[in-house]
């Protein structure tokens, strides 16, 4: 596919694809690196073309498998807001918390808040 040859009396190498000149490099390793890269790209393109050719057969295979599969559930009809019953939250009132020994105007009060029923008088 790709080949490289040394140009006469120089350290330059020419990389050919058949009869077409692809690149000229200063060293042989550069020509080899370019050749390897182009061959890897050609292999990738061939693999992708093969995968594209296989797509219709894969689609038919999956279609055959999907015939026996269960259908997803249908959406239930929506209930109008007027038809829904109203629920009222009824919970007993909670006791209020109070602080011990603090004035409400005192910002430096760092006493913990206690339940009023737990205060011993």
PDB file of N, CA and C in Angstrom:
ATOM      1  N   UNK A   1       0.839  -1.166   0.000  1.00  0.00           N
ATOM      2  CA  UNK A   1       0.000   0.000   0.000  1.00  0.00           C
ATOM      3  C   UNK A   1       0.895   1.245   0.000  1.00  0.00           C
ATOM      4  N   UNK A   2       1.519   1.566   1.131  1.00  0.00           N
ATOM      5  CA  UNK A   2       2.423   2.705   1.207  1.00  0.00           C
ATOM      6  C   UNK A   2       3.853   2.196   1.182  1.00  0.00           C
ATOM      7  N   UNK A   3       4.705   2.940   0.505  1.00  0.00           N
ATOM      8  CA  UNK A   3       6.124   2.569   0.494  1.00  0.00           C
ATOM      9  C   UNK A   3       6.951   3.839   0.530  1.00  0.00           C
ATOM     10  N   UNK A   4       8.163   3.713   1.045  1.00  0.00           N
ATOM     11  CA  UNK A   4       9.055   4.865   1.055  1.00  0.00           C
ATOM     12  C   UNK A   4      10.377   4.449   0.440  1.00  0.00           C
ATOM     13  N   UNK A   5      11.001   5.421  -0.208  1.00  0.00           N
ATOM     14  CA  UNK A   5      12.300   5.171  -0.809  1.00  0.00           C
ATOM     15  C   UNK A   5      13.224   6.326  -0.468  1.00  0.00           C
ATOM     16  N   UNK A   6      14.510   6.019  -0.414  1.00  0.00           N
ATOM     17  CA  UNK A   6      15.507   7.062  -0.149  1.00  0.00           C
ATOM     18  C   UNK A   6      15.781   7.808  -1.439  1.00  0.00           C
ATOM     19  N   UNK A   7      15.783   9.117  -1.363  1.00  0.00           N
ATOM     20  CA  UNK A   7      16.127   9.921  -2.528  1.00  0.00           C
ATOM     21  C   UNK A   7      17.643   9.871  -2.691  1.00  0.00           C
ATOM     22  N   UNK A   8      18.105   9.836  -3.905  1.00  0.00           N
ATOM     23  CA  UNK A   8      19.527   9.595  -4.185  1.00  0.00           C
ATOM     24  C   UNK A   8      20.440  10.643  -3.561  1.00  0.00           C
ATOM     25  N   UNK A   9      21.482  10.165  -2.895  1.00  0.00           N
ATOM     26  CA  UNK A   9      22.555  10.976  -2.315  1.00  0.00           C
ATOM     27  C   UNK A   9      22.054  12.043  -1.336  1.00  0.00           C
ATOM     28  N   UNK A  10      21.036  11.726  -0.564  1.00  0.00           N
ATOM     29  CA  UNK A  10      20.556  12.663   0.451  1.00  0.00           C
ATOM     30  C   UNK A  10      19.948  11.879   1.599  1.00  0.00           C
ATOM     31  N   UNK A  11      19.629  12.571   2.642  1.00  0.00           N
ATOM     32  CA  UNK A  11      18.987  11.906   3.777  1.00  0.00           C
ATOM     33  C   UNK A  11      17.467  12.035   3.713  1.00  0.00           C
ATOM     34  N   UNK A  12      16.924  12.488   2.620  1.00  0.00           N
ATOM     35  CA  UNK A  12      15.485  12.640   2.441  1.00  0.00           C
ATOM     36  C   UNK A  12      14.866  11.327   1.985  1.00  0.00           C
ATOM     37  N   UNK A  13      13.632  11.116   2.445  1.00  0.00           N
ATOM     38  CA  UNK A  13      12.878   9.924   2.070  1.00  0.00           C
ATOM     39  C   UNK A  13      11.532  10.369   1.535  1.00  0.00           C
ATOM     40  N   UNK A  14      11.079   9.678   0.492  1.00  0.00           N
ATOM     41  CA  UNK A  14       9.789   9.987  -0.118  1.00  0.00           C
ATOM     42  C   UNK A  14       8.823   8.856   0.211  1.00  0.00           C
ATOM     43  N   UNK A  15       7.608   9.231   0.606  1.00  0.00           N
ATOM     44  CA  UNK A  15       6.560   8.262   0.928  1.00  0.00           C
ATOM     45  C   UNK A  15       5.551   8.272  -0.205  1.00  0.00           C
ATOM     46  N   UNK A  16       5.299   7.072  -0.777  1.00  0.00           N
ATOM     47  CA  UNK A  16       4.401   6.951  -1.917  1.00  0.00           C
ATOM     48  C   UNK A  16       3.210   6.085  -1.557  1.00  0.00           C
ATOM     49  N   UNK A  17       2.050   6.431  -2.127  1.00  0.00           N
ATOM     50  CA  UNK A  17       0.867   5.587  -2.090  1.00  0.00           C
ATOM     51  C   UNK A  17       0.654   5.114  -3.515  1.00  0.00           C
ATOM     52  N   UNK A  18       1.191   3.936  -3.818  1.00  0.00           N
ATOM     53  CA  UNK A  18       1.202   3.473  -5.206  1.00  0.00           C
ATOM     54  C   UNK A  18       2.178   4.331  -5.981  1.00  0.00           C
ATOM     55  N   UNK A  19       1.658   5.106  -6.936  1.00  0.00           N
ATOM     56  CA  UNK A  19       2.513   6.008  -7.715  1.00  0.00           C
ATOM     57  C   UNK A  19       2.389   7.459  -7.254  1.00  0.00           C
ATOM     58  N   UNK A  20       1.517   7.715  -6.294  1.00  0.00           N
ATOM     59  CA  UNK A  20       1.279   9.084  -5.826  1.00  0.00           C
ATOM     60  C   UNK A  20       2.225   9.419  -4.689  1.00  0.00           C
ATOM     61  N   UNK A  21       2.893  10.570  -4.787  1.00  0.00           N
ATOM     62  CA  UNK A  21       3.768  11.048  -3.726  1.00  0.00           C
ATOM     63  C   UNK A  21       2.908  11.609  -2.599  1.00  0.00           C
ATOM     64  N   UNK A  22       3.121  11.095  -1.368  1.00  0.00           N
ATOM     65  CA  UNK A  22       2.334  11.536  -0.220  1.00  0.00           C
ATOM     66  C   UNK A  22       3.111  12.554   0.591  1.00  0.00           C
ATOM     67  N   UNK A  23       4.389  12.251   0.895  1.00  0.00           N
ATOM     68  CA  UNK A  23       5.177  13.148   1.731  1.00  0.00           C
ATOM     69  C   UNK A  23       6.660  12.939   1.470  1.00  0.00           C
ATOM     70  N   UNK A  24       7.437  13.964   1.779  1.00  0.00           N
ATOM     71  CA  UNK A  24       8.896  13.873   1.752  1.00  0.00           C
ATOM     72  C   UNK A  24       9.369  14.231   3.147  1.00  0.00           C
ATOM     73  N   UNK A  25      10.187  13.347   3.736  1.00  0.00           N
ATOM     74  CA  UNK A  25      10.682  13.582   5.093  1.00  0.00           C
ATOM     75  C   UNK A  25      12.198  13.634   5.084  1.00  0.00           C
ATOM     76  N   UNK A  26      12.743  14.168   6.170  1.00  0.00           N
ATOM     77  CA  UNK A  26      14.193  14.303   6.272  1.00  0.00           C
ATOM     78  C   UNK A  26      14.823  12.980   6.702  1.00  0.00           C
ATOM     79  N   UNK A  27      14.139  12.229   7.539  1.00  0.00           N
ATOM     80  CA  UNK A  27      14.710  10.989   8.039  1.00  0.00           C
ATOM     81  C   UNK A  27      13.789   9.812   7.741  1.00  0.00           C
ATOM     82  N   UNK A  28      14.353   8.605   7.749  1.00  0.00           N
ATOM     83  CA  UNK A  28      13.611   7.382   7.484  1.00  0.00           C
ATOM     84  C   UNK A  28      12.537   7.159   8.544  1.00  0.00           C
ATOM     85  N   UNK A  29      12.859   7.441   9.817  1.00  0.00           N
ATOM     86  CA  UNK A  29      11.881   7.227  10.889  1.00  0.00           C
ATOM     87  C   UNK A  29      10.650   8.115  10.707  1.00  0.00           C
ATOM     88  N   UNK A  30      10.845   9.296  10.158  1.00  0.00           N
ATOM     89  CA  UNK A  30       9.701  10.167   9.877  1.00  0.00           C
ATOM     90  C   UNK A  30       8.806   9.569   8.808  1.00  0.00           C
ATOM     91  N   UNK A  31       9.409   9.003   7.770  1.00  0.00           N
ATOM     92  CA  UNK A  31       8.622   8.362   6.709  1.00  0.00           C
ATOM     93  C   UNK A  31       7.893   7.139   7.264  1.00  0.00           C
ATOM     94  N   UNK A  32       8.546   6.358   8.145  1.00  0.00           N
ATOM     95  CA  UNK A  32       7.902   5.192   8.749  1.00  0.00           C
ATOM     96  C   UNK A  32       6.729   5.614   9.643  1.00  0.00           C
ATOM     97  N   UNK A  33       6.915   6.694  10.410  1.00  0.00           N
ATOM     98  CA  UNK A  33       5.840   7.165  11.290  1.00  0.00           C
ATOM     99  C   UNK A  33       4.630   7.618  10.476  1.00  0.00           C
ATOM    100  N   UNK A  34       4.876   8.325   9.385  1.00  0.00           N
ATOM    101  CA  UNK A  34       3.767   8.775   8.541  1.00  0.00           C
ATOM    102  C   UNK A  34       3.077   7.574   7.911  1.00  0.00           C
ATOM    103  N   UNK A  35       3.859   6.591   7.442  1.00  0.00           N
ATOM    104  CA  UNK A  35       3.271   5.398   6.840  1.00  0.00           C
ATOM    105  C   UNK A  35       2.397   4.651   7.847  1.00  0.00           C
ATOM    106  N   UNK A  36       2.894   4.473   9.077  1.00  0.00           N
ATOM    107  CA  UNK A  36       2.116   3.773  10.108  1.00  0.00           C
ATOM    108  C   UNK A  36       0.820   4.509  10.413  1.00  0.00           C
ATOM    109  N   UNK A  37       0.905   5.826  10.479  1.00  0.00           N
ATOM    110  CA  UNK A  37      -0.290   6.626  10.771  1.00  0.00           C
ATOM    111  C   UNK A  37      -1.323   6.509   9.653  1.00  0.00           C
ATOM    112  N   UNK A  38      -0.866   6.580   8.412  1.00  0.00           N
ATOM    113  CA  UNK A  38      -1.792   6.478   7.285  1.00  0.00           C
ATOM    114  C   UNK A  38      -2.395   5.081   7.180  1.00  0.00           C
ATOM    115  N   UNK A  39      -1.594   4.035   7.472  1.00  0.00           N
ATOM    116  CA  UNK A  39      -2.135   2.676   7.445  1.00  0.00           C
ATOM    117  C   UNK A  39      -3.157   2.470   8.565  1.00  0.00           C
ATOM    118  N   UNK A  40      -2.910   3.053   9.749  1.00  0.00           N
ATOM    119  CA  UNK A  40      -3.880   2.954  10.851  1.00  0.00           C
ATOM    120  C   UNK A  40      -5.180   3.666  10.476  1.00  0.00           C
ATOM    121  N   UNK A  41      -5.067   4.829   9.840  1.00  0.00           N
ATOM    122  CA  UNK A  41      -6.265   5.550   9.396  1.00  0.00           C
ATOM    123  C   UNK A  41      -7.030   4.737   8.359  1.00  0.00           C
ATOM    124  N   UNK A  42      -6.307   4.080   7.434  1.00  0.00           N
ATOM    125  CA  UNK A  42      -6.962   3.270   6.404  1.00  0.00           C
ATOM    126  C   UNK A  42      -7.678   2.082   7.056  1.00  0.00           C
ATOM    127  N   UNK A  43      -7.060   1.447   8.076  1.00  0.00           N
ATOM    128  CA  UNK A  43      -7.720   0.342   8.771  1.00  0.00           C
ATOM    129  C   UNK A  43      -8.982   0.814   9.486  1.00  0.00           C
ATOM    130  N   UNK A  44      -8.919   1.998  10.107  1.00  0.00           N
ATOM    131  CA  UNK A  44     -10.084   2.547  10.794  1.00  0.00           C
ATOM    132  C   UNK A  44     -11.223   2.802   9.807  1.00  0.00           C
ATOM    133  N   UNK A  45     -10.893   3.350   8.656  1.00  0.00           N
ATOM    134  CA  UNK A  45     -11.914   3.622   7.635  1.00  0.00           C
ATOM    135  C   UNK A  45     -12.534   2.327   7.147  1.00  0.00           C
ATOM    136  N   UNK A  46     -11.717   1.289   6.939  1.00  0.00           N
ATOM    137  CA  UNK A  46     -12.251  -0.004   6.494  1.00  0.00           C
ATOM    138  C   UNK A  46     -13.178  -0.604   7.549  1.00  0.00           C
ATOM    139  N   UNK A  47     -12.794  -0.516   8.828  1.00  0.00           N
ATOM    140  CA  UNK A  47     -13.639  -1.032   9.906  1.00  0.00           C
ATOM    141  C   UNK A  47     -14.977  -0.308   9.964  1.00  0.00           C
ATOM    142  N   UNK A  48     -14.947   1.013   9.832  1.00  0.00           N
ATOM    143  CA  UNK A  48     -16.186   1.792   9.872  1.00  0.00           C
ATOM    144  C   UNK A  48     -17.086   1.476   8.676  1.00  0.00           C
ATOM    145  N   UNK A  49     -16.479   1.288   7.498  1.00  0.00           N
ATOM    146  CA  UNK A  49     -17.282   0.930   6.332  1.00  0.00           C
ATOM    147  C   UNK A  49     -17.918  -0.447   6.510  1.00  0.00           C
ATOM    148  N   UNK A  50     -17.191  -1.389   7.115  1.00  0.00           N
ATOM    149  CA  UNK A  50     -17.742  -2.712   7.370  1.00  0.00           C
ATOM    150  C   UNK A  50     -18.910  -2.621   8.363  1.00  0.00           C
ATOM    151  N   UNK A  51     -18.752  -1.781   9.397  1.00  0.00           N
ATOM    152  CA  UNK A  51     -19.827  -1.621  10.383  1.00  0.00           C
ATOM    153  C   UNK A  51     -21.061  -0.985   9.753  1.00  0.00           C
ATOM    154  N   UNK A  52     -20.853  -0.040   8.866  1.00  0.00           N
ATOM    155  CA  UNK A  52     -21.990   0.593   8.176  1.00  0.00           C
ATOM    156  C   UNK A  52     -22.694  -0.415   7.300  1.00  0.00           C
ATOM    157  N   UNK A  53     -21.939  -1.299   6.654  1.00  0.00           N
ATOM    158  CA  UNK A  53     -22.552  -2.323   5.806  1.00  0.00           C
ATOM    159  C   UNK A  53     -23.363  -3.309   6.640  1.00  0.00           C
ATOM    160  N   UNK A  54     -22.994  -3.531   7.895  1.00  0.00           N
ATOM    161  CA  UNK A  54     -23.697  -4.471   8.761  1.00  0.00           C
ATOM    162  C   UNK A  54     -24.935  -3.869   9.422  1.00  0.00           C
ATOM    163  N   UNK A  55     -25.114  -2.566   9.380  1.00  0.00           N
ATOM    164  CA  UNK A  55     -26.230  -1.915  10.065  1.00  0.00           C
ATOM    165  C   UNK A  55     -27.609  -2.431   9.634  1.00  0.00           C
ATOM    166  N   UNK A  56     -27.903  -2.596   8.345  1.00  0.00           N
ATOM    167  CA  UNK A  56     -29.246  -3.088   7.981  1.00  0.00           C
ATOM    168  C   UNK A  56     -29.540  -4.470   8.559  1.00  0.00           C
ATOM    169  N   UNK A  57     -28.557  -5.366   8.575  1.00  0.00           N
ATOM    170  CA  UNK A  57     -28.802  -6.697   9.131  1.00  0.00           C
ATOM    171  C   UNK A  57     -29.000  -6.619  10.640  1.00  0.00           C
ATOM    172  N   UNK A  58     -28.248  -5.741  11.320  1.00  0.00           N
ATOM    173  CA  UNK A  58     -28.437  -5.580  12.766  1.00  0.00           C
ATOM    174  C   UNK A  58     -29.802  -4.989  13.083  1.00  0.00           C
ATOM    175  N   UNK A  59     -30.239  -4.016  12.276  1.00  0.00           N
ATOM    176  CA  UNK A  59     -31.548  -3.395  12.499  1.00  0.00           C
ATOM    177  C   UNK A  59     -32.657  -4.425  12.310  1.00  0.00           C
ATOM    178  N   UNK A  60     -32.523  -5.276  11.306  1.00  0.00           N
ATOM    179  CA  UNK A  60     -33.540  -6.307  11.083  1.00  0.00           C
ATOM    180  C   UNK A  60     -33.550  -7.297  12.241  1.00  0.00           C
ATOM    181  N   UNK A  61     -32.378  -7.638  12.738  1.00  0.00           N
ATOM    182  CA  UNK A  61     -32.282  -8.573  13.871  1.00  0.00           C
ATOM    183  C   UNK A  61     -32.968  -7.996  15.107  1.00  0.00           C
ATOM    184  N   UNK A  62     -32.705  -6.732  15.410  1.00  0.00           N
ATOM    185  CA  UNK A  62     -33.321  -6.106  16.582  1.00  0.00           C
ATOM    186  C   UNK A  62     -34.824  -5.923  16.389  1.00  0.00           C
ATOM    187  N   UNK A  63     -35.256  -5.670  15.165  1.00  0.00           N
ATOM    188  CA  UNK A  63     -36.679  -5.540  14.891  1.00  0.00           C
ATOM    189  C   UNK A  63     -37.394  -6.862  15.148  1.00  0.00           C
ATOM    190  N   UNK A  64     -36.769  -7.967  14.757  1.00  0.00           N
ATOM    191  CA  UNK A  64     -37.360  -9.283  15.002  1.00  0.00           C
ATOM    192  C   UNK A  64     -37.459  -9.573  16.494  1.00  0.00           C
ATOM    193  N   UNK A  65     -36.450  -9.168  17.243  1.00  0.00           N
ATOM    194  CA  UNK A  65     -36.475  -9.385  18.680  1.00  0.00           C
ATOM    195  C   UNK A  65     -37.532  -8.513  19.353  1.00  0.00           C
ATOM    196  N   UNK A  66     -37.753  -7.326  18.833  1.00  0.00           N
ATOM    197  CA  UNK A  66     -38.679  -6.381  19.457  1.00  0.00           C
ATOM    198  C   UNK A  66     -40.136  -6.789  19.267  1.00  0.00           C
ATOM    199  N   UNK A  67     -40.433  -7.644  18.315  1.00  0.00           N
ATOM    200  CA  UNK A  67     -41.825  -8.030  18.063  1.00  0.00           C
ATOM    201  C   UNK A  67     -42.401  -8.752  19.268  1.00  0.00           C
ATOM    202  N   UNK A  68     -41.626  -9.617  19.908  1.00  0.00           N
ATOM    203  CA  UNK A  68     -42.133 -10.376  21.036  1.00  0.00           C
ATOM    204  C   UNK A  68     -42.040  -9.658  22.369  1.00  0.00           C
ATOM    205  N   UNK A  69     -41.495  -8.475  22.394  1.00  0.00           N
ATOM    206  CA  UNK A  69     -41.325  -7.753  23.650  1.00  0.00           C
ATOM    207  C   UNK A  69     -42.635  -7.097  24.079  1.00  0.00           C
ATOM    208  N   UNK A  70     -42.878  -6.983  25.391  1.00  0.00           N
ATOM    209  CA  UNK A  70     -44.103  -6.328  25.868  1.00  0.00           C
ATOM    210  C   UNK A  70     -44.091  -4.837  25.561  1.00  0.00           C
ATOM    211  N   UNK A  71     -45.246  -4.313  25.371  1.00  0.00           N
ATOM    212  CA  UNK A  71     -45.393  -2.882  25.080  1.00  0.00           C
ATOM    213  C   UNK A  71     -45.318  -2.078  26.372  1.00  0.00           C
ATOM    214  N   UNK A  72     -44.868  -0.825  26.316  1.00  0.00           N
ATOM    215  CA  UNK A  72     -44.873  -0.002  27.519  1.00  0.00           C
ATOM    216  C   UNK A  72     -46.308   0.326  27.923  1.00  0.00           C
ATOM    217  N   UNK A  73     -46.565   0.586  29.206  1.00  0.00           N
ATOM    218  CA  UNK A  73     -47.935   0.877  29.648  1.00  0.00           C
ATOM    219  C   UNK A  73     -48.442   2.192  29.068  1.00  0.00           C
ATOM    220  N   UNK A  74     -49.751   2.249  28.871  1.00  0.00           N
ATOM    221  CA  UNK A  74     -50.357   3.467  28.356  1.00  0.00           C
ATOM    222  C   UNK A  74     -50.567   4.453  29.501  1.00  0.00           C
ATOM    223  N   UNK A  75     -50.581   5.724  29.157  1.00  0.00           N
ATOM    224  CA  UNK A  75     -50.775   6.744  30.171  1.00  0.00           C
ATOM    225  C   UNK A  75     -52.226   6.721  30.637  1.00  0.00           C
ATOM    226  N   UNK A  76     -52.408   6.803  31.944  1.00  0.00           N
ATOM    227  CA  UNK A  76     -53.746   6.847  32.511  1.00  0.00           C
ATOM    228  C   UNK A  76     -54.354   8.218  32.270  1.00  0.00           C
ATOM    229  N   UNK A  77     -55.681   8.299  32.215  1.00  0.00           N
ATOM    230  CA  UNK A  77     -56.289   9.616  32.009  1.00  0.00           C
ATOM    231  C   UNK A  77     -56.027  10.519  33.212  1.00  0.00           C
ATOM    232  N   UNK A  78     -55.817  11.790  32.927  1.00  0.00           N
ATOM    233  CA  UNK A  78     -55.547  12.759  33.982  1.00  0.00           C
ATOM    234  C   UNK A  78     -56.826  13.114  34.723  1.00  0.00           C
ATOM    235  N   UNK A  79     -56.720  13.346  36.023  1.00  0.00           N
ATOM    236  CA  UNK A  79     -57.865  13.715  36.847  1.00  0.00           C
ATOM    237  C   UNK A  79     -57.881  15.231  36.970  1.00  0.00           C
ATOM    238  N   UNK A  80     -59.037  15.813  36.735  1.00  0.00           N
ATOM    239  CA  UNK A  80     -59.154  17.263  36.836  1.00  0.00           C
ATOM    240  C   UNK A  80     -59.011  17.694  38.288  1.00  0.00           C
ATOM    241  N   UNK A  81     -58.491  18.893  38.515  1.00  0.00           N
ATOM    242  CA  UNK A  81     -58.263  19.396  39.870  1.00  0.00           C
ATOM    243  C   UNK A  81     -59.578  19.531  40.635  1.00  0.00           C
ATOM    244  N   UNK A  82     -60.687  19.803  39.946  1.00  0.00           N
ATOM    245  CA  UNK A  82     -61.968  19.955  40.620  1.00  0.00           C
ATOM    246  C   UNK A  82     -62.472  18.614  41.171  1.00  0.00           C
ATOM    247  N   UNK A  83     -62.081  17.517  40.561  1.00  0.00           N
ATOM    248  CA  UNK A  83     -62.559  16.197  40.973  1.00  0.00           C
ATOM    249  C   UNK A  83     -61.749  15.613  42.125  1.00  0.00           C
ATOM    250  N   UNK A  84     -60.654  16.236  42.486  1.00  0.00           N
ATOM    251  CA  UNK A  84     -59.799  15.695  43.542  1.00  0.00           C
ATOM    252  C   UNK A  84     -60.275  16.186  44.906  1.00  0.00           C
ATOM    253  N   UNK A  85     -60.350  15.289  45.901  1.00  0.00           N
ATOM    254  CA  UNK A  85     -60.757  15.730  47.244  1.00  0.00           C
ATOM    255  C   UNK A  85     -59.653  16.555  47.896  1.00  0.00           C
ATOM    256  N   UNK A  86     -60.076  17.478  48.752  1.00  0.00           N
ATOM    257  CA  UNK A  86     -59.135  18.335  49.452  1.00  0.00           C
ATOM    258  C   UNK A  86     -58.812  17.699  50.794  1.00  0.00           C
ATOM    259  N   UNK A  87     -57.557  17.593  51.111  1.00  0.00           N
ATOM    260  CA  UNK A  87     -57.128  17.040  52.395  1.00  0.00           C
ATOM    261  C   UNK A  87     -56.572  18.163  53.249  1.00  0.00           C
ATOM    262  N   UNK A  88     -56.987  18.187  54.509  1.00  0.00           N
ATOM    263  CA  UNK A  88     -56.532  19.212  55.423  1.00  0.00           C
ATOM    264  C   UNK A  88     -55.586  18.567  56.430  1.00  0.00           C
ATOM    265  N   UNK A  89     -54.455  19.181  56.642  1.00  0.00           N
ATOM    266  CA  UNK A  89     -53.499  18.660  57.607  1.00  0.00           C
ATOM    267  C   UNK A  89     -53.949  19.105  58.992  1.00  0.00           C
ATOM    268  N   UNK A  90     -54.218  18.134  59.845  1.00  0.00           N
ATOM    269  CA  UNK A  90     -54.643  18.448  61.208  1.00  0.00           C
ATOM    270  C   UNK A  90     -53.684  17.779  62.170  1.00  0.00           C
ATOM    271  N   UNK A  91     -52.785  18.558  62.682  1.00  0.00           N
ATOM    272  CA  UNK A  91     -51.839  18.029  63.661  1.00  0.00           C
ATOM    273  C   UNK A  91     -51.975  18.867  64.931  1.00  0.00           C
ATOM    274  N   UNK A  92     -51.693  18.280  66.090  1.00  0.00           N
ATOM    275  CA  UNK A  92     -51.810  19.056  67.330  1.00  0.00           C
ATOM    276  C   UNK A  92     -50.784  20.176  67.351  1.00  0.00           C
ATOM    277  N   UNK A  93     -51.117  21.287  67.989  1.00  0.00           N
ATOM    278  CA  UNK A  93     -50.175  22.407  68.050  1.00  0.00           C
ATOM    279  C   UNK A  93     -48.940  22.004  68.848  1.00  0.00           C
ATOM    280  N   UNK A  94     -47.795  22.480  68.412  1.00  0.00           N
ATOM    281  CA  UNK A  94     -46.535  22.178  69.073  1.00  0.00           C
ATOM    282  C   UNK A  94     -46.251  23.247  70.129  1.00  0.00           C
ATOM    283  N   UNK A  95     -45.721  22.840  71.299  1.00  0.00           N
ATOM    284  CA  UNK A  95     -45.382  23.836  72.320  1.00  0.00           C
ATOM    285  C   UNK A  95     -44.244  24.722  71.847  1.00  0.00           C
ATOM    286  N   UNK A  96     -44.243  25.960  72.309  1.00  0.00           N
ATOM    287  CA  UNK A  96     -43.229  26.918  71.893  1.00  0.00           C
ATOM    288  C   UNK A  96     -41.988  26.780  72.752  1.00  0.00           C
ATOM    289  N   UNK A  97     -40.832  27.003  72.159  1.00  0.00           N
ATOM    290  CA  UNK A  97     -39.563  26.932  72.881  1.00  0.00           C
ATOM    291  C   UNK A  97     -39.255  28.284  73.497  1.00  0.00           C
ATOM    292  N   UNK A  98     -38.657  28.265  74.680  1.00  0.00           N
ATOM    293  CA  UNK A  98     -38.276  29.511  75.353  1.00  0.00           C
ATOM    294  C   UNK A  98     -36.821  29.413  75.770  1.00  0.00           C
ATOM    295  N   UNK A  99     -36.206  30.543  76.039  1.00  0.00           N
ATOM    296  CA  UNK A  99     -34.825  30.550  76.507  1.00  0.00           C
ATOM    297  C   UNK A  99     -34.797  30.918  77.983  1.00  0.00           C
ATOM    298  N   UNK A 100     -33.767  30.460  78.655  1.00  0.00           N
ATOM    299  CA  UNK A 100     -33.652  30.682  80.093  1.00  0.00           C
ATOM    300  C   UNK A 100     -32.719  31.846  80.360  1.00  0.00           C
ATOM    301  N   UNK A 101     -33.151  32.789  81.157  1.00  0.00           N
ATOM    302  CA  UNK A 101     -32.299  33.878  81.626  1.00  0.00           C
ATOM    303  C   UNK A 101     -31.853  34.844  80.565  1.00  0.00           C
ATOM    304  N   UNK A 102     -32.519  34.949  79.477  1.00  0.00           N
ATOM    305  CA  UNK A 102     -32.105  35.869  78.426  1.00  0.00           C
ATOM    306  C   UNK A 102     -33.161  36.933  78.238  1.00  0.00           C
ATOM    307  N   UNK A 103     -32.696  38.108  78.024  1.00  0.00           N
ATOM    308  CA  UNK A 103     -33.563  39.200  77.660  1.00  0.00           C
ATOM    309  C   UNK A 103     -33.709  39.177  76.143  1.00  0.00           C
ATOM    310  N   UNK A 104     -34.876  39.458  75.658  1.00  0.00           N
ATOM    311  CA  UNK A 104     -35.069  39.430  74.219  1.00  0.00           C
ATOM    312  C   UNK A 104     -34.232  40.473  73.503  1.00  0.00           C
ATOM    313  N   UNK A 105     -33.860  41.529  74.206  1.00  0.00           N
ATOM    314  CA  UNK A 105     -33.060  42.575  73.587  1.00  0.00           C
ATOM    315  C   UNK A 105     -31.567  42.295  73.682  1.00  0.00           C
ATOM    316  N   UNK A 106     -31.172  41.284  74.441  1.00  0.00           N
ATOM    317  CA  UNK A 106     -29.761  40.975  74.641  1.00  0.00           C
ATOM    318  C   UNK A 106     -29.276  40.070  73.503  1.00  0.00           C
ATOM    319  N   UNK A 107     -28.366  40.582  72.654  1.00  0.00           N
ATOM    320  CA  UNK A 107     -27.864  39.794  71.520  1.00  0.00           C
ATOM    321  C   UNK A 107     -26.795  38.800  71.946  1.00  0.00           C
ATOM    322  N   UNK A 108     -26.175  38.995  73.121  1.00  0.00           N
ATOM    323  CA  UNK A 108     -25.093  38.129  73.553  1.00  0.00           C
ATOM    324  C   UNK A 108     -25.597  36.893  74.296  1.00  0.00           C
ATOM    325  N   UNK A 109     -26.851  36.692  74.375  1.00  0.00           N
ATOM    326  CA  UNK A 109     -27.420  35.556  75.089  1.00  0.00           C
ATOM    327  C   UNK A 109     -27.164  34.286  74.288  1.00  0.00           C
ATOM    328  N   UNK A 110     -26.459  33.346  74.877  1.00  0.00           N
ATOM    329  CA  UNK A 110     -26.136  32.108  74.191  1.00  0.00           C
ATOM    330  C   UNK A 110     -26.684  30.904  74.944  1.00  0.00           C
ATOM    331  N   UNK A 111     -27.720  31.107  75.718  1.00  0.00           N
ATOM    332  CA  UNK A 111     -28.333  30.006  76.451  1.00  0.00           C
ATOM    333  C   UNK A 111     -29.094  29.119  75.468  1.00  0.00           C
ATOM    334  N   UNK A 112     -29.100  27.827  75.698  1.00  0.00           N
ATOM    335  CA  UNK A 112     -29.829  26.943  74.789  1.00  0.00           C
ATOM    336  C   UNK A 112     -31.328  27.122  74.957  1.00  0.00           C
ATOM    337  N   UNK A 113     -32.041  26.907  73.862  1.00  0.00           N
ATOM    338  CA  UNK A 113     -33.493  26.975  73.908  1.00  0.00           C
ATOM    339  C   UNK A 113     -34.023  25.670  74.486  1.00  0.00           C
ATOM    340  N   UNK A 114     -34.926  25.779  75.429  1.00  0.00           N
ATOM    341  CA  UNK A 114     -35.502  24.599  76.073  1.00  0.00           C
ATOM    342  C   UNK A 114     -36.999  24.611  75.899  1.00  0.00           C
ATOM    343  N   UNK A 115     -37.569  23.462  76.006  1.00  0.00           N
ATOM    344  CA  UNK A 115     -39.005  23.321  75.931  1.00  0.00           C
ATOM    345  C   UNK A 115     -39.596  23.865  77.227  1.00  0.00           C
ATOM    346  N   UNK A 116     -40.699  24.587  77.171  1.00  0.00           N
ATOM    347  CA  UNK A 116     -41.226  25.223  78.357  1.00  0.00           C
ATOM    348  C   UNK A 116     -41.690  24.200  79.408  1.00  0.00           C
ATOM    349  N   UNK A 117     -42.038  22.998  78.961  1.00  0.00           N
ATOM    350  CA  UNK A 117     -42.477  21.988  79.918  1.00  0.00           C
ATOM    351  C   UNK A 117     -41.302  21.375  80.670  1.00  0.00           C
ATOM    352  N   UNK A 118     -40.064  21.525  80.155  1.00  0.00           N
ATOM    353  CA  UNK A 118     -38.907  20.924  80.811  1.00  0.00           C
ATOM    354  C   UNK A 118     -38.247  21.883  81.810  1.00  0.00           C
ATOM    355  N   UNK A 119     -38.768  23.084  81.963  1.00  0.00           N
ATOM    356  CA  UNK A 119     -38.198  24.048  82.912  1.00  0.00           C
ATOM    357  C   UNK A 119     -38.724  23.726  84.314  1.00  0.00           C
ATOM    358  N   UNK A 120     -37.788  23.523  85.238  1.00  0.00           N
ATOM    359  CA  UNK A 120     -38.175  23.243  86.613  1.00  0.00           C
ATOM    360  C   UNK A 120     -38.258  24.563  87.381  1.00  0.00           C
ATOM    361  N   UNK A 121     -39.396  24.858  87.946  1.00  0.00           N
ATOM    362  CA  UNK A 121     -39.572  26.104  88.692  1.00  0.00           C
ATOM    363  C   UNK A 121     -39.575  25.864  90.165  1.00  0.00           C
TER     364      UNK A 121
END
